[in-house]
Amino acid sequence: MRSVYLSPLLLMWLLTLPRAALAFAVDIWPGGEFSGQPVRQQWPEPAAATKPLTLCALYPHLRDAYWLSVNQGMVDEAKRLGVKLQIHEAGGYGSLAEQRQQLQRCVQEGSDAILLGAVSYQGLREAIKVTPLPLFGLVNDLPSGLVQAKVGVSWYQMGWQIGHWLAQRHP
């Protein structure tokens, strides 16, 4: 399993580039945990799907700008890539039972894979283990070995990067 980290500053810069220039650097943590030294790799812009594909996105909620922006980016990218995106929100971080049911719903809806913004680090372990679909952790961390890959941020690095940027500009 691999964990991928995109620096918030890198993401902001990427948004200013023309679409054709969207090859970008990602940091990979080969052990699946956001600790230690990552390996930087260049990734090309994703290509459009060559066959029908349905992804099921599960979010803790859609009540704030953070998760709304994650959702908007995923909706836009799914459209660009020609991928169907089913979206479910659990209702908040206390909605563990609802998110467990949503994992089953993704299977029932005929999804090809699940993108999981988990409401709990440990609480979904059994539900994830019995889900037959490929599952990818989204933003909120999950224990290593439960999912095929995790896409998120190192909260330490995110804080350090902005702190470093501010310290350089305002000594």
Protein backbone atom coordinates (compact mmCIF):
# COMPACT_ATOMS: atom_id res chain seq x y z
CA MET A 1 0.00 0.00 0.00
CA ARG A 2 1.14 3.53 -0.70
CA SER A 3 0.18 6.87 0.78
CA VAL A 4 0.26 9.97 -1.37
CA TYR A 5 0.69 13.51 -0.10
CA LEU A 6 0.15 16.66 -2.12
CA SER A 7 1.30 19.81 -0.36
CA PRO A 8 -1.49 22.41 -0.05
CA LEU A 9 0.80 24.96 -1.70
CA LEU A 10 1.46 22.54 -4.56
CA LEU A 11 -2.27 22.01 -5.00
CA MET A 12 -2.88 25.76 -5.16
CA TRP A 13 -0.13 26.13 -7.76
CA LEU A 14 -1.51 23.24 -9.81
CA LEU A 15 -4.85 25.01 -10.07
CA THR A 16 -3.19 27.92 -11.87
CA LEU A 17 -1.69 25.75 -14.64
CA PRO A 18 -3.26 25.17 -18.05
CA ARG A 19 -4.90 21.72 -18.25
CA ALA A 20 -2.26 20.38 -20.67
CA ALA A 21 0.50 21.06 -18.12
CA LEU A 22 -0.96 18.96 -15.32
CA ALA A 23 1.86 16.53 -14.69
CA PHE A 24 2.81 16.90 -11.05
CA ALA A 25 5.01 15.65 -8.24
CA VAL A 26 3.60 13.50 -5.44
CA ASP A 27 5.22 12.24 -2.28
CA ILE A 28 4.84 8.48 -1.75
CA TRP A 29 5.19 6.79 1.63
CA PRO A 30 5.96 3.15 0.67
CA GLY A 31 5.04 1.81 4.12
CA GLY A 32 1.55 3.28 3.99
CA GLU A 33 2.03 5.60 6.98
CA PHE A 34 2.57 9.35 6.71
CA SER A 35 5.89 9.22 8.58
CA GLY A 36 9.54 8.97 7.72
CA GLN A 37 10.93 10.15 4.41
CA PRO A 38 8.66 9.99 1.38
CA VAL A 39 9.82 9.23 -2.14
CA ARG A 40 8.95 11.94 -4.66
CA GLN A 41 7.56 10.76 -8.01
CA GLN A 42 6.30 12.53 -11.12
CA TRP A 43 2.77 11.58 -12.08
CA PRO A 44 1.06 12.42 -15.36
CA GLU A 45 -2.40 13.90 -15.54
CA PRO A 46 -4.97 11.06 -15.37
CA ALA A 47 -6.39 9.98 -18.73
CA ALA A 48 -10.07 9.54 -19.50
CA ALA A 49 -11.60 6.15 -18.69
CA THR A 50 -11.50 3.67 -21.58
CA LYS A 51 -14.46 1.64 -20.26
CA PRO A 52 -17.48 2.42 -18.06
CA LEU A 53 -16.40 2.92 -14.47
CA THR A 54 -18.45 3.76 -11.37
CA LEU A 55 -16.76 5.04 -8.23
CA CYS A 56 -18.54 5.36 -4.90
CA ALA A 57 -17.37 8.27 -2.73
CA LEU A 58 -18.19 8.19 0.98
CA TYR A 59 -17.71 11.40 2.98
CA PRO A 60 -18.12 12.03 6.71
CA HIS A 61 -20.35 15.01 5.85
CA LEU A 62 -20.81 17.85 3.38
CA ARG A 63 -21.27 20.63 5.93
CA ASP A 64 -18.12 22.69 5.58
CA ALA A 65 -15.91 24.23 2.93
CA TYR A 66 -13.27 21.51 3.29
CA TRP A 67 -15.47 18.52 2.39
CA LEU A 68 -17.50 20.57 -0.09
CA SER A 69 -14.29 21.42 -1.94
CA VAL A 70 -13.14 17.77 -1.88
CA ASN A 71 -16.51 16.81 -3.35
CA GLN A 72 -16.44 19.55 -6.00
CA GLY A 73 -12.96 18.51 -7.14
CA MET A 74 -14.01 14.86 -7.36
CA VAL A 75 -17.21 15.70 -9.26
CA ASP A 76 -15.30 17.87 -11.74
CA GLU A 77 -12.56 15.26 -12.24
CA ALA A 78 -15.09 12.44 -12.65
CA LYS A 79 -16.83 14.43 -15.39
CA ARG A 80 -13.52 15.17 -17.10
CA LEU A 81 -12.49 11.51 -17.01
CA GLY A 82 -15.89 10.16 -18.04
CA VAL A 83 -16.37 8.27 -14.78
CA LYS A 84 -19.68 7.88 -12.93
CA LEU A 85 -19.44 9.04 -9.32
CA GLN A 86 -21.95 7.97 -6.65
CA ILE A 87 -21.76 10.23 -3.58
CA HIS A 88 -22.91 9.47 -0.03
CA GLU A 89 -22.36 11.49 3.12
CA ALA A 90 -22.67 9.85 6.52
CA GLY A 91 -24.09 12.82 8.43
CA GLY A 92 -21.08 13.56 10.64
CA TYR A 93 -18.16 11.95 12.40
CA GLY A 94 -20.52 10.24 14.87
CA SER A 95 -22.28 8.35 12.07
CA LEU A 96 -20.24 5.15 12.16
CA ALA A 97 -23.23 2.81 11.65
CA GLU A 98 -24.40 4.86 8.65
CA GLN A 99 -20.99 4.71 6.99
CA ARG A 100 -20.81 0.95 7.53
CA GLN A 101 -24.16 0.65 5.71
CA GLN A 102 -22.92 2.94 2.95
CA LEU A 103 -20.01 0.57 2.26
CA GLN A 104 -22.58 -2.16 1.58
CA ARG A 105 -24.69 0.25 -0.48
CA CYS A 106 -21.72 0.94 -2.77
CA VAL A 107 -21.54 -2.79 -3.52
CA GLN A 108 -25.32 -3.01 -4.08
CA GLU A 109 -25.22 -0.02 -6.47
CA GLY A 110 -22.73 -1.83 -8.69
CA SER A 111 -19.74 0.38 -8.00
CA ASP A 112 -16.30 -0.69 -9.22
CA ALA A 113 -14.36 0.85 -6.29
CA ILE A 114 -14.88 2.90 -3.13
CA LEU A 115 -13.22 6.19 -2.17
CA LEU A 116 -13.61 6.39 1.61
CA GLY A 117 -13.40 9.58 3.65
CA ALA A 118 -13.70 7.62 6.91
CA VAL A 119 -15.62 8.80 9.97
CA SER A 120 -13.37 6.66 12.20
CA TYR A 121 -9.78 5.43 12.13
CA GLN A 122 -10.52 2.00 13.68
CA GLY A 123 -14.33 1.72 13.65
CA LEU A 124 -14.69 0.62 10.03
CA ARG A 125 -12.12 -2.19 10.16
CA GLU A 126 -14.57 -5.13 9.97
CA ALA A 127 -16.87 -3.46 7.43
CA ILE A 128 -13.88 -2.71 5.20
CA LYS A 129 -12.56 -6.29 5.49
CA VAL A 130 -15.84 -7.78 4.21
CA THR A 131 -16.25 -5.29 1.36
CA PRO A 132 -15.40 -7.09 -1.91
CA LEU A 133 -14.57 -3.89 -3.81
CA PRO A 134 -11.18 -2.18 -4.05
CA LEU A 135 -11.15 0.51 -1.39
CA PHE A 136 -9.05 3.68 -1.26
CA GLY A 137 -8.67 5.87 1.81
CA LEU A 138 -9.51 9.50 1.12
CA VAL A 139 -8.18 12.36 3.30
CA ASN A 140 -8.84 10.78 6.73
CA ASP A 141 -6.25 8.19 7.63
CA LEU A 142 -7.00 4.48 8.08
CA PRO A 143 -4.81 1.72 9.49
CA SER A 144 -2.28 0.32 7.03
CA GLY A 145 -3.26 -2.86 5.24
CA LEU A 146 -7.01 -2.17 5.12
CA VAL A 147 -7.10 -0.33 1.81
CA GLN A 148 -5.31 -0.54 -1.55
CA ALA A 149 -3.92 2.98 -1.15
CA LYS A 150 -4.44 6.17 0.81
CA VAL A 151 -4.58 9.67 -0.59
CA GLY A 152 -4.22 12.36 2.00
CA VAL A 153 -1.98 14.77 3.74
CA SER A 154 0.60 14.58 6.43
CA TRP A 155 -1.02 16.96 8.92
CA TYR A 156 2.44 17.58 10.38
CA GLN A 157 3.85 18.50 6.96
CA MET A 158 0.87 20.69 6.14
CA GLY A 159 1.40 22.68 9.33
CA TRP A 160 5.17 22.77 8.87
CA GLN A 161 4.92 23.97 5.25
CA ILE A 162 2.65 26.91 6.02
CA GLY A 163 4.63 27.73 9.17
CA HIS A 164 7.87 27.73 7.17
CA TRP A 165 6.31 29.90 4.47
CA LEU A 166 5.06 32.42 7.06
CA ALA A 167 8.39 32.43 8.94
CA GLN A 168 10.28 33.27 5.74
CA ARG A 169 7.99 36.18 4.94
CA HIS A 170 7.56 37.51 8.49
CA PRO A 171 10.75 36.84 10.47
